[in-house]
Structure formats: C-alpha cells, structure tokens
Protein backbone atom coordinates (compact mmCIF):
# COMPACT_ATOMS: atom_id res chain seq x y z
CA UNK A 1 -9.98 -15.97 -9.77
CA UNK A 2 -7.31 -14.09 -11.78
CA UNK A 3 -5.63 -17.38 -12.73
CA UNK A 4 -4.34 -15.88 -15.97
CA UNK A 5 -3.46 -12.51 -14.45
CA UNK A 6 0.15 -13.57 -14.33
CA UNK A 7 3.32 -13.69 -16.39
CA UNK A 8 3.55 -16.51 -18.94
CA UNK A 9 6.79 -17.81 -17.49
CA UNK A 10 5.04 -18.66 -14.22
CA UNK A 11 2.86 -21.09 -16.16
CA UNK A 12 5.64 -22.48 -18.34
CA UNK A 13 7.69 -23.19 -15.20
CA UNK A 14 4.66 -24.71 -13.49
CA UNK A 15 4.16 -26.99 -16.48
CA UNK A 16 7.85 -27.83 -16.47
CA UNK A 17 7.77 -28.79 -12.80
CA UNK A 18 4.75 -31.01 -13.48
CA UNK A 19 6.33 -32.83 -16.40
CA UNK A 20 9.65 -33.24 -14.57
CA UNK A 21 7.77 -34.84 -11.65
CA UNK A 22 8.75 -32.10 -9.19
CA UNK A 23 5.26 -31.60 -7.75
CA UNK A 24 6.14 -33.23 -4.43
CA UNK A 25 8.81 -30.65 -3.64
CA UNK A 26 7.97 -27.94 -1.13
CA UNK A 27 9.24 -24.41 -1.73
CA UNK A 28 9.63 -21.52 0.68
CA UNK A 29 9.56 -18.10 -0.98
CA UNK A 30 9.61 -14.59 0.48
CA UNK A 31 8.53 -11.24 -0.90
CA UNK A 32 10.67 -8.26 0.13
CA UNK A 33 12.16 -4.99 -1.12
CA UNK A 34 15.93 -4.99 -1.60
CA UNK A 35 16.36 -1.22 -1.48
CA UNK A 36 13.95 1.51 -0.47
CA UNK A 37 13.21 4.11 -3.14
CA UNK A 38 15.41 7.19 -2.77
CA UNK A 39 12.40 9.20 -1.61
CA UNK A 40 11.40 6.75 1.14
CA UNK A 41 12.76 6.13 4.62
CA UNK A 42 10.23 3.40 5.43
CA UNK A 43 7.44 1.43 3.77
CA UNK A 44 3.96 0.57 5.01
CA UNK A 45 2.88 -3.01 4.30
CA UNK A 46 -0.44 -3.21 2.49
CA UNK A 47 -2.18 -5.65 0.16
CA UNK A 48 -1.82 -8.72 2.39
CA UNK A 49 -5.57 -9.24 2.72
CA UNK A 50 -5.95 -9.06 -1.06
CA UNK A 51 -3.31 -11.77 -1.39
CA UNK A 52 -5.13 -14.05 1.04
CA UNK A 53 -8.42 -13.59 -0.83
CA UNK A 54 -6.66 -14.29 -4.13
CA UNK A 55 -5.13 -17.52 -2.82
CA UNK A 56 -8.41 -18.72 -1.32
CA UNK A 57 -10.25 -18.21 -4.61
CA UNK A 58 -7.57 -19.15 -7.15
CA UNK A 59 -8.94 -21.55 -9.77
CA UNK A 60 -8.38 -22.45 -13.44
CA UNK A 61 -11.78 -22.69 -15.11
CA UNK A 62 -12.64 -24.24 -18.46
CA UNK A 63 -12.20 -20.98 -20.36
CA UNK A 64 -8.78 -20.41 -18.79
CA UNK A 65 -7.57 -23.86 -19.77
CA UNK A 66 -9.04 -23.61 -23.27
CA UNK A 67 -7.08 -20.41 -23.83
CA UNK A 68 -3.85 -21.87 -22.44
CA UNK A 69 -4.09 -24.64 -25.03
CA UNK A 70 -3.84 -21.97 -27.73
CA UNK A 71 -0.67 -20.34 -26.34
CA UNK A 72 2.24 -21.52 -28.51
CA UNK A 73 4.74 -21.57 -25.65
CA UNK A 74 2.50 -23.87 -23.62
CA UNK A 75 1.03 -26.04 -26.34
CA UNK A 76 3.45 -28.96 -25.93
CA UNK A 77 2.88 -29.05 -22.17
CA UNK A 78 -0.95 -29.01 -22.21
CA UNK A 79 -1.24 -32.78 -21.98
CA UNK A 80 -4.33 -34.45 -20.50
CA UNK A 81 -2.43 -35.01 -17.26
CA UNK A 82 -1.45 -31.36 -16.89
CA UNK A 83 -4.93 -30.22 -17.87
CA UNK A 84 -6.37 -32.43 -15.12
CA UNK A 85 -3.85 -30.92 -12.69
CA UNK A 86 -4.97 -27.39 -13.60
CA UNK A 87 -8.64 -28.30 -13.22
CA UNK A 88 -7.95 -29.54 -9.69
CA UNK A 89 -5.55 -26.71 -8.80
CA UNK A 90 -6.02 -25.14 -5.37
CA UNK A 91 -3.56 -23.29 -3.18
CA UNK A 92 -2.75 -25.68 -0.33
CA UNK A 93 0.22 -23.93 1.27
CA UNK A 94 1.05 -21.78 4.28
CA UNK A 95 1.22 -17.99 4.42
CA UNK A 96 2.99 -15.95 7.09
CA UNK A 97 2.97 -12.18 6.72
CA UNK A 98 3.20 -8.89 8.56
CA UNK A 99 -0.24 -7.44 9.31
CA UNK A 100 -1.28 -4.54 7.11
CA UNK A 101 -0.22 -1.12 8.37
CA UNK A 102 3.16 -2.33 9.67
CA UNK A 103 6.23 -0.20 8.82
CA UNK A 104 8.96 -2.20 7.06
CA UNK A 105 12.47 -1.65 5.74
CA UNK A 106 14.98 -3.10 3.29
CA UNK A 107 15.25 -6.90 2.96
CA UNK A 108 12.38 -7.54 5.38
CA UNK A 109 9.77 -10.04 4.16
CA UNK A 110 6.22 -8.79 3.76
CA UNK A 111 5.06 -12.35 3.08
CA UNK A 112 6.48 -15.86 3.37
CA UNK A 113 4.93 -18.60 1.23
CA UNK A 114 5.55 -22.28 1.91
CA UNK A 115 3.75 -24.49 -0.58
CA UNK A 116 4.22 -27.23 -3.17
CA UNK A 117 6.68 -25.92 -5.73
CA UNK A 118 4.16 -25.36 -8.53
CA UNK A 119 1.80 -23.46 -6.25
CA UNK A 120 4.57 -21.27 -4.85
CA UNK A 121 5.68 -20.50 -8.40
CA UNK A 122 2.26 -19.84 -9.91
CA UNK A 123 1.23 -17.16 -7.39
CA UNK A 124 4.35 -14.98 -7.66
CA UNK A 125 3.26 -12.37 -10.19
CA UNK A 126 -0.16 -11.61 -8.78
CA UNK A 127 1.15 -11.52 -5.22
CA UNK A 128 3.83 -9.01 -6.23
CA UNK A 129 1.33 -6.89 -8.14
CA UNK A 130 -1.03 -6.62 -5.18
CA UNK A 131 1.57 -5.88 -2.51
CA UNK A 132 3.86 -3.64 -4.57
CA UNK A 133 1.03 -1.36 -5.65
CA UNK A 134 -0.85 -1.11 -2.38
CA UNK A 135 2.29 -0.73 -0.27
CA UNK A 136 3.58 1.96 -2.64
CA UNK A 137 0.37 3.96 -2.18
CA UNK A 138 0.20 3.37 1.58
CA UNK A 139 3.81 4.51 2.01
CA UNK A 140 3.15 7.72 0.05
CA UNK A 141 -0.08 8.33 1.93
CA UNK A 142 1.66 7.91 5.28
CA UNK A 143 4.10 10.71 4.37
CA UNK A 144 1.17 12.94 3.47
CA UNK A 145 -0.55 12.20 6.78
CA UNK A 146 2.65 13.10 8.63
CA UNK A 147 2.97 16.34 6.63
CA UNK A 148 -0.65 17.32 7.32
CA UNK A 149 0.08 17.42 11.07
CA UNK A 150 -3.48 16.67 12.13
CA UNK A 151 -5.29 18.46 9.31
CA UNK A 152 -7.68 16.33 7.26
CA UNK A 153 -6.43 14.54 4.14
CA UNK A 154 -8.89 13.27 1.52
CA UNK A 155 -8.11 10.97 -1.41
CA UNK A 156 -9.16 12.45 -4.79
CA UNK A 157 -7.17 10.35 -7.28
CA UNK A 158 -9.60 8.06 -9.11
CA UNK A 159 -9.34 9.85 -12.46
CA UNK A 160 -5.55 9.56 -12.45
CA UNK A 161 -5.24 5.78 -12.32
CA UNK A 162 -6.95 2.57 -13.45
CA UNK A 163 -10.46 2.14 -11.97
CA UNK A 164 -9.54 -1.03 -10.05
CA UNK A 165 -6.28 0.47 -8.82
CA UNK A 166 -8.21 3.53 -7.65
CA UNK A 167 -10.25 1.42 -5.22
CA UNK A 168 -7.11 -0.18 -3.79
CA UNK A 169 -5.49 3.26 -3.54
CA UNK A 170 -8.45 4.66 -1.63
CA UNK A 171 -8.30 1.74 0.82
CA UNK A 172 -4.54 2.07 1.30
CA UNK A 173 -4.77 5.80 1.92
CA UNK A 174 -7.61 5.44 4.39
CA UNK A 175 -5.77 2.62 6.17
CA UNK A 176 -2.85 4.91 7.04
CA UNK A 177 -4.87 7.93 8.16
CA UNK A 178 -6.72 9.66 5.31
CA UNK A 179 -10.20 10.70 6.40
CA UNK A 180 -12.23 9.98 3.26
CA UNK A 181 -12.22 9.28 -0.47
CA UNK A 182 -14.08 10.65 -3.47
CA UNK A 183 -14.41 7.10 -4.86
CA UNK A 184 -17.96 5.89 -4.30
CA UNK A 185 -17.20 2.22 -5.00
CA UNK A 186 -14.35 2.29 -2.47
CA UNK A 187 -16.83 3.66 0.04
CA UNK A 188 -19.33 0.91 -0.69
CA UNK A 189 -16.79 -1.90 -0.76
CA UNK A 190 -14.64 -0.91 2.22
CA UNK A 191 -16.84 1.33 4.36
CA UNK A 192 -14.66 4.40 3.75
CA UNK A 193 -16.39 7.78 4.21
CA UNK A 194 -17.01 9.41 0.83
CA UNK A 195 -16.92 13.11 0.17
CA UNK A 196 -17.00 15.53 -2.74
CA UNK A 197 -18.09 18.86 -4.12
CA UNK A 198 -19.54 19.97 -7.42
CA UNK A 199 -16.99 20.53 -10.17
CA UNK A 200 -16.31 23.66 -12.22
CA UNK A 201 -18.72 22.27 -14.80
CA UNK A 202 -21.61 22.74 -12.35
CA UNK A 203 -20.81 26.43 -12.03
CA UNK A 204 -20.24 26.93 -15.74
CA UNK A 205 -23.52 25.15 -16.62
CA UNK A 206 -25.47 27.89 -14.83
CA UNK A 207 -26.11 31.42 -16.02
CA UNK A 208 -24.21 32.86 -13.05
CA UNK A 209 -22.04 31.80 -10.16
CA UNK A 210 -24.69 33.00 -7.72
CA UNK A 211 -27.32 30.78 -9.37
CA UNK A 212 -24.98 27.79 -9.31
CA UNK A 213 -24.18 28.23 -5.62
CA UNK A 214 -27.79 28.86 -4.58
CA UNK A 215 -28.99 25.83 -6.55
CA UNK A 216 -26.41 23.54 -5.00
CA UNK A 217 -27.19 24.76 -1.47
CA UNK A 218 -30.88 24.22 -2.08
CA UNK A 219 -30.31 20.69 -3.36
CA UNK A 220 -27.80 19.71 -0.65
CA UNK A 221 -28.66 21.83 2.40
CA UNK A 222 -26.73 19.55 4.78
CA UNK A 223 -23.64 18.98 2.62
CA UNK A 224 -22.91 22.28 0.94
CA UNK A 225 -19.26 22.56 -0.06
CA UNK A 226 -18.76 24.96 -2.97
CA UNK A 227 -15.90 25.20 -5.45
CA UNK A 228 -15.19 28.93 -5.54
CA UNK A 229 -12.27 29.45 -7.96
CA UNK A 230 -14.00 29.05 -11.35
CA UNK A 231 -13.69 32.76 -12.12
CA UNK A 232 -12.27 34.74 -9.20
CA UNK A 233 -11.58 33.12 -5.85
CA UNK A 234 -12.30 36.06 -3.56
CA UNK A 235 -15.46 36.97 -5.42
CA UNK A 236 -16.46 33.31 -5.37
CA UNK A 237 -16.02 33.21 -1.60
CA UNK A 238 -18.33 36.20 -1.14
CA UNK A 239 -20.93 34.77 -3.48
CA UNK A 240 -20.82 31.38 -1.75
CA UNK A 241 -21.25 32.89 1.68
CA UNK A 242 -24.13 35.04 0.48
CA UNK A 243 -25.91 32.28 -1.51
CA UNK A 244 -25.56 29.43 0.97
CA UNK A 245 -25.48 31.41 4.22
CA UNK A 246 -25.58 29.13 7.26
CA UNK A 247 -25.74 26.04 5.04
CA UNK A 248 -22.19 26.63 3.78
CA UNK A 249 -20.16 23.81 5.35
CA UNK A 250 -17.03 24.42 3.28
CA UNK A 251 -15.41 26.04 0.27
CA UNK A 252 -12.84 24.48 -2.01
CA UNK A 253 -9.93 26.18 -3.78
CA UNK A 254 -8.30 24.22 -6.61
CA UNK A 255 -5.86 26.71 -8.14
CA UNK A 256 -3.48 29.59 -7.58
CA UNK A 257 -1.40 30.45 -4.54
CA UNK A 258 -3.14 28.34 -1.92
CA UNK A 259 -1.43 30.09 0.99
CA UNK A 260 -2.48 33.56 -0.13
CA UNK A 261 -5.91 32.49 -1.34
CA UNK A 262 -6.76 30.60 1.84
CA UNK A 263 -5.89 33.64 3.97
CA UNK A 264 -7.97 35.97 1.82
CA UNK A 265 -10.91 33.55 1.75
CA UNK A 266 -10.73 33.00 5.50
CA UNK A 267 -10.92 36.73 6.09
CA UNK A 268 -13.92 37.05 3.75
CA UNK A 269 -15.79 34.17 5.34
CA UNK A 270 -15.16 35.46 8.84
CA UNK A 271 -16.24 38.95 7.83
CA UNK A 272 -19.51 37.54 6.49
CA UNK A 273 -20.20 35.53 9.64
CA UNK A 274 -19.17 32.14 8.22
CA UNK A 275 -16.52 31.46 10.87
CA UNK A 276 -17.32 27.72 10.97
CA UNK A 277 -16.99 27.22 7.22
CA UNK A 278 -14.05 24.99 6.43
CA UNK A 279 -11.49 25.64 3.70
CA UNK A 280 -10.57 22.72 1.43
CA UNK A 281 -7.68 22.98 -1.02
CA UNK A 282 -6.53 20.72 -3.86
CA UNK A 283 -4.43 20.88 -7.03
CA UNK A 284 -1.37 18.64 -7.45
CA UNK A 285 -0.62 18.62 -3.74
CA UNK A 286 2.01 16.35 -2.20
CA UNK A 287 3.63 15.97 1.20
CA UNK A 288 6.14 18.75 0.52
CA UNK A 289 3.62 21.37 -0.57
CA UNK A 290 1.33 20.39 2.31
CA UNK A 291 4.20 20.65 4.81
CA UNK A 292 5.04 24.12 3.45
CA UNK A 293 1.44 25.28 3.84
CA UNK A 294 1.30 23.92 7.38
CA UNK A 295 4.59 25.58 8.27
CA UNK A 296 3.25 28.88 6.93
CA UNK A 297 0.15 28.38 9.11
CA UNK A 298 -2.18 28.81 6.15
CA UNK A 299 -5.80 28.58 7.42
CA UNK A 300 -6.56 25.34 5.60
CA UNK A 301 -8.67 22.61 7.18
CA UNK A 302 -8.63 19.89 4.53
CA UNK A 303 -6.22 18.82 1.79
CA UNK A 304 -7.47 16.89 -1.25
CA UNK A 305 -4.72 14.80 -2.85
CA UNK A 306 -5.05 13.02 -6.19
CA UNK A 307 -2.34 12.54 -8.81
CA UNK A 308 0.65 12.76 -6.50
CA UNK A 309 -0.84 10.06 -4.27
CA UNK A 310 -2.29 7.48 -6.65
CA UNK A 311 0.69 7.74 -9.03
CA UNK A 312 3.21 8.09 -6.15
CA UNK A 313 4.93 10.55 -8.46
CA UNK A 314 8.30 10.72 -6.69
CA UNK A 315 8.53 6.91 -6.32
CA UNK A 316 6.10 5.45 -8.88
CA UNK A 317 7.14 1.81 -8.57
CA UNK A 318 8.02 -0.33 -5.59
CA UNK A 319 10.64 -2.90 -6.52
CA UNK A 320 9.43 -5.75 -4.37
CA UNK A 321 10.78 -9.17 -5.36
CA UNK A 322 9.77 -12.75 -4.62
CA UNK A 323 12.60 -15.21 -4.12
CA UNK A 324 13.08 -18.88 -3.33
CA UNK A 325 14.82 -19.21 0.05
CA UNK A 326 14.45 -22.93 0.81
CA UNK A 327 13.45 -26.18 -0.91
CA UNK A 328 12.44 -29.56 0.49
CA UNK A 329 11.94 -32.80 -1.44
CA UNK A 330 11.11 -35.01 1.54
CA UNK A 331 14.60 -36.43 1.88
CA UNK A 332 16.66 -33.27 1.72
CA UNK A 333 16.33 -29.65 2.88
CA UNK A 334 18.26 -26.92 1.04
CA UNK A 335 18.58 -23.32 2.15
CA UNK A 336 18.96 -21.21 -0.97
CA UNK A 337 20.40 -17.77 -1.70
CA UNK A 338 21.33 -15.64 -4.71
CA UNK A 339 24.78 -14.06 -4.87
CA UNK A 340 24.30 -11.94 -8.01
CA UNK A 341 26.01 -8.55 -7.89
CA UNK A 342 23.62 -6.10 -6.23
CA UNK A 343 20.91 -8.75 -5.96
CA UNK A 344 22.10 -11.08 -3.23
CA UNK A 345 19.46 -12.63 -0.97
CA UNK A 346 19.49 -14.23 2.46
CA UNK A 347 18.96 -18.02 2.60
CA UNK A 348 16.38 -19.75 4.73
CA UNK A 349 12.96 -18.81 6.07
CA UNK A 350 13.03 -15.62 8.12
CA UNK A 351 11.37 -13.75 10.95
CA UNK A 352 11.59 -10.03 11.73
CA UNK A 353 11.95 -9.05 15.37
CA UNK A 354 11.20 -5.38 16.08
CA UNK A 355 13.24 -4.21 19.04
CA UNK A 356 11.88 -1.29 21.05
CA UNK A 357 12.64 0.86 24.05
CA UNK A 358 9.35 1.84 25.56
CA UNK A 359 7.13 2.97 22.69
CA UNK A 360 9.99 3.65 20.25
CA UNK A 361 11.41 1.19 17.73
CA UNK A 362 15.21 1.19 17.81
CA UNK A 363 16.22 -1.61 15.42
CA UNK A 364 15.04 -4.73 13.64
CA UNK A 365 16.72 -8.13 13.74
CA UNK A 366 16.27 -10.36 10.70
CA UNK A 367 16.58 -13.90 12.01
CA UNK A 368 15.86 -17.44 10.90
CA UNK A 369 12.22 -18.29 11.45
CA UNK A 370 12.94 -20.99 14.03
CA UNK A 371 15.63 -19.37 16.18
CA UNK A 372 13.50 -17.36 18.61
CA UNK A 373 13.88 -13.88 20.02
CA UNK A 374 17.17 -11.96 19.64
CA UNK A 375 19.57 -11.04 22.40
CA UNK A 376 18.40 -7.75 23.90
CA UNK A 377 20.11 -4.93 25.69
CA UNK A 378 18.85 -3.66 29.01
CA UNK A 379 15.49 -1.91 28.68
CA UNK A 380 14.72 -3.42 25.28
CA UNK A 381 11.77 -5.57 24.29
CA UNK A 382 11.11 -7.37 21.00
CA UNK A 383 8.14 -8.67 19.06
CA UNK A 384 8.01 -10.90 15.96
CA UNK A 385 6.29 -9.23 13.01
CA UNK A 386 5.40 -12.15 10.72
CA UNK A 387 2.33 -14.06 11.87
CA UNK A 388 0.35 -16.97 10.37
CA UNK A 389 -2.38 -16.04 7.88
CA UNK A 390 -2.98 -19.41 6.18
CA UNK A 391 -2.22 -23.04 6.89
CA UNK A 392 -2.80 -25.85 4.39
CA UNK A 393 -4.62 -23.42 2.11
CA UNK A 394 -7.09 -22.31 4.77
CA UNK A 395 -7.34 -18.94 6.49
CA UNK A 396 -6.17 -19.01 10.11
CA UNK A 397 -6.34 -15.30 10.89
CA UNK A 398 -9.54 -13.27 10.51
CA UNK A 399 -9.32 -10.31 8.16
CA UNK A 400 -8.54 -7.08 9.99
CA UNK A 401 -11.11 -4.35 9.61
CA UNK A 402 -9.84 -0.97 8.46
CA UNK A 403 -10.19 0.52 11.94
CA UNK A 404 -7.66 -2.01 13.26
CA UNK A 405 -5.29 -1.35 10.36
CA UNK A 406 -5.58 2.42 10.88
CA UNK A 407 -4.74 2.00 14.56
CA UNK A 408 -1.75 -0.22 13.71
CA UNK A 409 -0.42 2.20 11.11
CA UNK A 410 -0.84 5.17 13.46
CA UNK A 411 1.00 3.38 16.26
CA UNK A 412 3.67 2.09 13.90
CA UNK A 413 4.40 5.52 12.45
CA UNK A 414 4.48 7.09 15.91
CA UNK A 415 7.00 4.45 17.04
CA UNK A 416 9.53 5.32 14.32
CA UNK A 417 12.45 7.61 15.18
CA UNK A 418 11.56 11.20 14.33
CA UNK A 419 14.28 11.38 11.68
CA UNK A 420 12.49 8.66 9.69
CA UNK A 421 9.29 10.73 9.62
CA UNK A 422 11.14 13.75 8.27
CA UNK A 423 10.41 14.47 4.60
CA UNK A 424 13.92 15.44 3.54
CA UNK A 425 16.25 13.43 1.27
CA UNK A 426 17.30 10.04 2.57
CA UNK A 427 20.89 9.64 3.71
CA UNK A 428 22.97 7.06 5.53
CA UNK A 429 22.01 8.68 8.84
CA UNK A 430 18.30 8.25 8.12
CA UNK A 431 18.37 4.49 7.57
CA UNK A 432 16.68 2.37 10.20
CA UNK A 433 18.97 -0.28 11.59
CA UNK A 434 18.17 -3.76 10.27
CA UNK A 435 20.73 -6.37 11.30
CA UNK A 436 20.93 -10.08 10.47
CA UNK A 437 21.12 -12.39 13.46
CA UNK A 438 24.39 -14.28 14.05
CA UNK A 439 22.71 -17.54 13.02
CA UNK A 440 21.54 -15.99 9.73
CA UNK A 441 25.00 -14.61 9.01
CA UNK A 442 26.50 -18.04 9.68
CA UNK A 443 23.99 -19.71 7.35
CA UNK A 444 24.76 -17.13 4.66
CA UNK A 445 28.46 -17.97 4.82
CA UNK A 446 27.79 -21.71 4.75
CA UNK A 447 25.56 -21.45 1.68
CA UNK A 448 28.09 -19.18 -0.01
CA UNK A 449 30.82 -21.79 0.52
CA UNK A 450 28.58 -24.59 -0.75
CA UNK A 451 27.73 -22.85 -4.03
CA UNK A 452 31.37 -21.90 -4.55
CA UNK A 453 32.61 -25.47 -4.03
C-alpha cells in the first residue's frame, strides 16, 4: 500500500543501509512541529489512525519493484539481495502516539517510531504527509468550531482540494466538532452525516424560481433546503416560503452581506409563518467572519465552510518534521540531536506529560520516555499523552471511532486556557508553557558536549 508514495531519497537511503549492512540497527524517530504557524496557538493531532493503517498494509509488490529497477538513481542498488528484501518488507516496529483529537504544541511528538533503521527511514514521507495535512485541517476546523459558539458548522470544501484530501478533510473537521459534510464518500466511509442543497444551476435550469423551488420541495418533501440568492435574496425567501410551505426546513444564502441578509430573511420567514425554518449561510467563511456574525447576533443557524477550511488559507502548510532521536546497534545506544541554527532537536525518546489543575491544562512537561511523571505543585495532576499503538508491527490499540475522537477534542479544547482559544494574533503571552524536564535538559547538554568534542 502506497509503497512508492514517498520521496526518492527515502528509498536510496534504505538501499544504502541495506548494502552497508546496517539493517540490524534500531532507530527511534519522532514527528513534531518545531514552531506553530503564526495564526495558530495550538494544534489538534489527527491522521494517526491513517498512519497505523498504512504501516499495517505497507508492501512492495512486483510492479513497484519493477519500476524501481528503472529509476536511474536506484539502478546500482537493485541487486537480487535488495530485491528479495523489498519483496519481504513489512513494518515490524513499535508506534507510540497521542490519540487523535489531542491538542499539542511546539516540539511535542505526535508519533514516536522505533523500528529497524530501514523501516524507520522508509515510512517518513508518507507519515508526514498524513499527519501534517490532517492535523492542519483539524486545527483550522477547531478554531471555526470555537468561533461558531454552538451554532452548526458544516464542511463544504470538496471542490477546493484533491478528492482524496477532501475525504480526510471531512473526517478531520467532523472529528473536532463539525456537524456534517457535503462529501458523500466521506459519509459512506466514516459514518459522517451528509447534507446539501440544490445549487444555483437547479434554479437557473427551470423557467422560474417558483417552479424550481416547488419542484425541489415536491421531490424532497422531508429535506427541503432551498438556495435563495440566485436572483434576489429577499424575493427568493418569499418564493421559497410560499412554494415549500411547511416542508421548508431551511434556506441558504451564499452571497452578499450575510448579517443584513440573514436579518431580512429571518423577518420574511417569520412573517410568512416559517418560524422553524433554519438559515444556512456560506461563501468564503472563516473563523473571523463567523465570529463577527456571532458577535453581531445575526440570526444564522448553520455555517457552511469550504475553501478557507480545506485549504487552511491563513496557515496552508503544517511544518511537521520527522527526526532521528536515538540509535541502537545491539552493543551501543546513542541519543541523537541536531544543533543546526533554528532547527535544533531534543535527543532521546520522549513523553509528554500534561499537567492540569482540575479540568484546566496549565503546562506540559517534555520528558524522557522512561523517567516517569514530573514533579507537581500542590493541586496539580499529570497524565502522559503518548500511548502504544503498535508493537512488533502489530496493532495494540483498537481504532477509536469518531464519536470518541469528537469527545476527546471537545474536552481537550475546553481544557485549554481561554487565551489560547481566542482568535487574535499570537504573541508571547499566548504561548502555552512547554518545559523540558531536568533530565532532558541534562541529556541535551551532554549530547551537545559530545558532538563538540
């Protein structure tokens, strides 16, 4: 599965390790984000389940290997021995990760991989692709859910991204609190409620707006939501209420001043006895425009969000990285760190301990994986965030259903300090406190001295 959906250098390095007889070495690697995007105060971990499925199914089939033999950069390395190795390739390592829906911050590992060196190397690109994309969408979606303040948010973004990415985006958005998606395949695959209206084309394909509305209500008497802004929004609202009558479950506005239009439409609907008809709005919405509409108390029940969500327009790429933190060859263990300017990493395998007072998170401690809970102040409790997902290439933790992930994300967001849920620009005062443990700091200094010697 997706064996060639990777960067070439992962395979050239894998071949190099094989030919240099380094297959017995065990590597520990971690995926994390060095710095949050400027428009983010937290991230929501997503994509972990996709990584586990990928690792369980990863194979090189005959067609994959035949193609690799034609790649000039690999040609010298595609010996019979290496070909046999690829035929037999399976992921046999361990995976520890934070469960999906968990809020995370800078330098905190989403995933820790411990596996034979070639395996740990070969999975890097696809792992990063899955987690970076899905966590980017989930983090954006969480901000929209916060901005909506209890109003319904629906994912409408399929036409603004790649078809496969659209399904992942729908899942990520639903996992953090969206109510539904317009993507039918996402509904089938993940059990997400699907919703939608007719488009402007439906109205324009009929001789009149009244005919279009009456025909839709007749065809879908129990799911009549009408798009009313094809020609004139207020007139469309009156025609929808008259044509559909008690079958009119909702109206959708996709253009103009949504505050003003929603107020005018609400008044028209109420005047015509359609007090239970819901108002849905869409049109390049994001968390800031939604927050403004909520602050203005616009009578809007549902927000449809597309482009701004699936493209995460204000932070369109999550810079997650995957780095070697330890290496074992049976006789020797090495804790490893980078000291590049602006790209330094912590050595060793890590654990995140979330420290709380009551229901509120107050700080995280990044510790070594084997050092236990941190020292706590009075009234504090702590919980480790990374848990086992795979051992020896086999799943050890059942996949969470989306209901469990939604509950985790809801609780996790509610536990963050209020200033982190604010939508304003990030500043030093809005950074969540993540501190290395004393043992990790000591290891960092020891490794720094060793590489400088």
